[in-house]
Amino acid sequence: MEQVSSILTPDPPIALQDVIALVGEKLSLEAFSQLAGNLSGYPYIKIVVDRTKQQIHFINSARYKFHADYIAEQIMGVPAEDVEKNIDEFNRSVYLSPDREFFLGSLAVNKSV
């Protein structure tokens, strides 16, 4: 399956659940719903902001359990296992380094509002 960088207006249309991530696009509520996982009853998606490329990645939760797995495979181009071998170093680089390349986050929707 190939990575899709623009999927909000595909031609021909494809199911978002088959998409790895939306990259550099606005996230519609429909796309959010199709890419979201569920945590404590709330739908959510993982987000990676690539400061170098000035892009945001909305990650398909069904495909990637962790931000690190997505970053390894789709941004760094290495197997996730390579990053996992040095996960403490990776975590320091993305969470603690003042000049970090990536900001990681999660976006949840509270539908009761």
C-alpha atoms as a PDB file:
ATOM      1  CA  MET A   1       0.000   0.000   0.000  1.00  0.00           C
ATOM      2  CA  GLU A   2       1.433   3.367  -0.929  1.00  0.00           C
ATOM      3  CA  GLN A   3       1.531   6.436   1.272  1.00  0.00           C
ATOM      4  CA  VAL A   4      -1.046   9.035   0.353  1.00  0.00           C
ATOM      5  CA  SER A   5      -0.179  12.668   0.946  1.00  0.00           C
ATOM      6  CA  SER A   6      -3.449  14.187  -0.261  1.00  0.00           C
ATOM      7  CA  ILE A   7      -6.602  12.183   0.221  1.00  0.00           C
ATOM      8  CA  LEU A   8      -9.411  14.628   0.995  1.00  0.00           C
ATOM      9  CA  THR A   9     -10.430  14.971  -2.652  1.00  0.00           C
ATOM     10  CA  PRO A  10      -9.103  11.810  -4.279  1.00  0.00           C
ATOM     11  CA  ASP A  11      -9.803  10.827  -7.838  1.00  0.00           C
ATOM     12  CA  PRO A  12     -10.898   8.063  -7.839  1.00  0.00           C
ATOM     13  CA  PRO A  13     -12.130   8.039  -4.219  1.00  0.00           C
ATOM     14  CA  ILE A  14     -10.593   5.514  -1.822  1.00  0.00           C
ATOM     15  CA  ALA A  15     -11.550   4.528   1.704  1.00  0.00           C
ATOM     16  CA  LEU A  16      -9.671   6.532   4.329  1.00  0.00           C
ATOM     17  CA  GLN A  17      -9.311   3.472   6.546  1.00  0.00           C
ATOM     18  CA  ASP A  18      -6.847   2.200   3.896  1.00  0.00           C
ATOM     19  CA  VAL A  19      -4.752   5.378   4.185  1.00  0.00           C
ATOM     20  CA  ILE A  20      -1.553   5.546   6.235  1.00  0.00           C
ATOM     21  CA  ALA A  21      -1.954   9.239   7.102  1.00  0.00           C
ATOM     22  CA  LEU A  22      -3.175  12.580   5.852  1.00  0.00           C
ATOM     23  CA  VAL A  23      -0.147  14.790   5.316  1.00  0.00           C
ATOM     24  CA  GLY A  24      -0.287  18.558   4.916  1.00  0.00           C
ATOM     25  CA  GLU A  25      -4.078  18.648   4.606  1.00  0.00           C
ATOM     26  CA  LYS A  26      -6.955  20.034   6.634  1.00  0.00           C
ATOM     27  CA  LEU A  27      -8.705  17.343   8.628  1.00  0.00           C
ATOM     28  CA  SER A  28     -12.453  17.087   8.081  1.00  0.00           C
ATOM     29  CA  LEU A  29     -14.644  15.541  10.775  1.00  0.00           C
ATOM     30  CA  GLU A  30     -15.391  12.676   8.373  1.00  0.00           C
ATOM     31  CA  ALA A  31     -11.687  11.991   7.826  1.00  0.00           C
ATOM     32  CA  PHE A  32     -11.073  12.269  11.572  1.00  0.00           C
ATOM     33  CA  SER A  33     -13.759   9.639  12.229  1.00  0.00           C
ATOM     34  CA  GLN A  34     -12.278   7.235   9.697  1.00  0.00           C
ATOM     35  CA  LEU A  35      -8.685   7.594  10.936  1.00  0.00           C
ATOM     36  CA  ALA A  36      -9.482   7.660  14.666  1.00  0.00           C
ATOM     37  CA  GLY A  37      -8.833   5.121  17.348  1.00  0.00           C
ATOM     38  CA  ASN A  38     -10.684   5.037  20.656  1.00  0.00           C
ATOM     39  CA  LEU A  39      -9.250   5.795  24.086  1.00  0.00           C
ATOM     40  CA  SER A  40     -11.446   5.774  27.203  1.00  0.00           C
ATOM     41  CA  GLY A  41     -14.522   6.155  25.035  1.00  0.00           C
ATOM     42  CA  TYR A  42     -13.185   9.135  23.068  1.00  0.00           C
ATOM     43  CA  PRO A  43     -12.274   9.008  19.389  1.00  0.00           C
ATOM     44  CA  TYR A  44      -8.765  10.360  18.868  1.00  0.00           C
ATOM     45  CA  ILE A  45      -5.976  10.545  16.321  1.00  0.00           C
ATOM     46  CA  LYS A  46      -2.227  10.812  16.709  1.00  0.00           C
ATOM     47  CA  ILE A  47      -0.536  13.886  15.240  1.00  0.00           C
ATOM     48  CA  VAL A  48       3.045  14.500  14.180  1.00  0.00           C
ATOM     49  CA  VAL A  49       4.153  18.021  13.335  1.00  0.00           C
ATOM     50  CA  ASP A  50       7.318  17.978  11.230  1.00  0.00           C
ATOM     51  CA  ARG A  51       8.964  21.326  11.960  1.00  0.00           C
ATOM     52  CA  THR A  52      11.614  20.924   9.246  1.00  0.00           C
ATOM     53  CA  LYS A  53       9.121  20.323   6.426  1.00  0.00           C
ATOM     54  CA  GLN A  54       6.397  22.427   8.050  1.00  0.00           C
ATOM     55  CA  GLN A  55       3.881  19.610   7.654  1.00  0.00           C
ATOM     56  CA  ILE A  56       1.308  18.032   9.893  1.00  0.00           C
ATOM     57  CA  HIS A  57       0.617  14.291   9.772  1.00  0.00           C
ATOM     58  CA  PHE A  58      -2.734  12.909  10.945  1.00  0.00           C
ATOM     59  CA  ILE A  59      -1.957   9.239  11.571  1.00  0.00           C
ATOM     60  CA  ASN A  60      -4.316   6.330  10.932  1.00  0.00           C
ATOM     61  CA  SER A  61      -4.642   4.771  14.394  1.00  0.00           C
ATOM     62  CA  ALA A  62      -5.495   1.354  12.985  1.00  0.00           C
ATOM     63  CA  ARG A  63      -2.145   1.229  11.158  1.00  0.00           C
ATOM     64  CA  TYR A  64       0.176   2.734  13.776  1.00  0.00           C
ATOM     65  CA  LYS A  65      -0.063   2.043  17.499  1.00  0.00           C
ATOM     66  CA  PHE A  66       2.703   4.532  18.365  1.00  0.00           C
ATOM     67  CA  HIS A  67       3.914   7.853  16.965  1.00  0.00           C
ATOM     68  CA  ALA A  68       7.446   6.414  16.875  1.00  0.00           C
ATOM     69  CA  ASP A  69       6.432   3.580  14.542  1.00  0.00           C
ATOM     70  CA  TYR A  70       4.937   6.029  12.053  1.00  0.00           C
ATOM     71  CA  ILE A  71       7.902   8.412  12.225  1.00  0.00           C
ATOM     72  CA  ALA A  72      10.363   5.556  11.760  1.00  0.00           C
ATOM     73  CA  GLU A  73       8.670   3.966   8.769  1.00  0.00           C
ATOM     74  CA  GLN A  74       7.074   6.900   6.963  1.00  0.00           C
ATOM     75  CA  ILE A  75       9.333   9.855   7.747  1.00  0.00           C
ATOM     76  CA  MET A  76      12.740   8.387   8.564  1.00  0.00           C
ATOM     77  CA  GLY A  77      12.382   5.429   6.195  1.00  0.00           C
ATOM     78  CA  VAL A  78      13.665   2.812   8.641  1.00  0.00           C
ATOM     79  CA  PRO A  79      11.979  -0.209  10.227  1.00  0.00           C
ATOM     80  CA  ALA A  80      10.137   0.603  13.465  1.00  0.00           C
ATOM     81  CA  GLU A  81      12.303  -2.025  15.191  1.00  0.00           C
ATOM     82  CA  ASP A  82      15.382   0.148  14.580  1.00  0.00           C
ATOM     83  CA  VAL A  83      13.824   3.043  16.492  1.00  0.00           C
ATOM     84  CA  GLU A  84      12.518   0.721  19.217  1.00  0.00           C
ATOM     85  CA  LYS A  85      16.088  -0.482  19.904  1.00  0.00           C
ATOM     86  CA  ASN A  86      16.949   3.064  20.996  1.00  0.00           C
ATOM     87  CA  ILE A  87      13.504   4.198  22.125  1.00  0.00           C
ATOM     88  CA  ASP A  88      14.786   6.140  25.161  1.00  0.00           C
ATOM     89  CA  GLU A  89      17.069   8.219  22.943  1.00  0.00           C
ATOM     90  CA  PHE A  90      14.268   8.735  20.418  1.00  0.00           C
ATOM     91  CA  ASN A  91      11.842   9.802  23.159  1.00  0.00           C
ATOM     92  CA  ARG A  92      14.358  12.318  24.541  1.00  0.00           C
ATOM     93  CA  SER A  93      14.785  13.760  21.048  1.00  0.00           C
ATOM     94  CA  VAL A  94      11.039  14.237  20.442  1.00  0.00           C
ATOM     95  CA  TYR A  95       9.883  15.176  23.942  1.00  0.00           C
ATOM     96  CA  LEU A  96      12.777  16.984  25.636  1.00  0.00           C
ATOM     97  CA  SER A  97      15.077  18.485  23.025  1.00  0.00           C
ATOM     98  CA  PRO A  98      14.487  22.252  22.637  1.00  0.00           C
ATOM     99  CA  ASP A  99      15.348  22.013  18.930  1.00  0.00           C
ATOM    100  CA  ARG A 100      13.341  18.844  18.292  1.00  0.00           C
ATOM    101  CA  GLU A 101      12.292  18.136  14.736  1.00  0.00           C
ATOM    102  CA  PHE A 102       8.880  16.691  15.635  1.00  0.00           C
ATOM    103  CA  PHE A 103       6.069  17.684  17.933  1.00  0.00           C
ATOM    104  CA  LEU A 104       3.824  14.745  18.887  1.00  0.00           C
ATOM    105  CA  GLY A 105       0.279  14.933  20.103  1.00  0.00           C
ATOM    106  CA  SER A 106      -3.197  13.473  20.140  1.00  0.00           C
ATOM    107  CA  LEU A 107      -6.454  15.113  19.177  1.00  0.00           C
ATOM    108  CA  ALA A 108      -9.697  13.845  20.733  1.00  0.00           C
ATOM    109  CA  VAL A 109     -13.301  14.780  20.114  1.00  0.00           C
ATOM    110  CA  ASN A 110     -15.818  14.979  22.908  1.00  0.00           C
ATOM    111  CA  LYS A 111     -19.105  14.365  21.115  1.00  0.00           C
ATOM    112  CA  SER A 112     -21.223  15.181  24.182  1.00  0.00           C
ATOM    113  CA  VAL A 113     -20.617  18.902  23.726  1.00  0.00           C
END
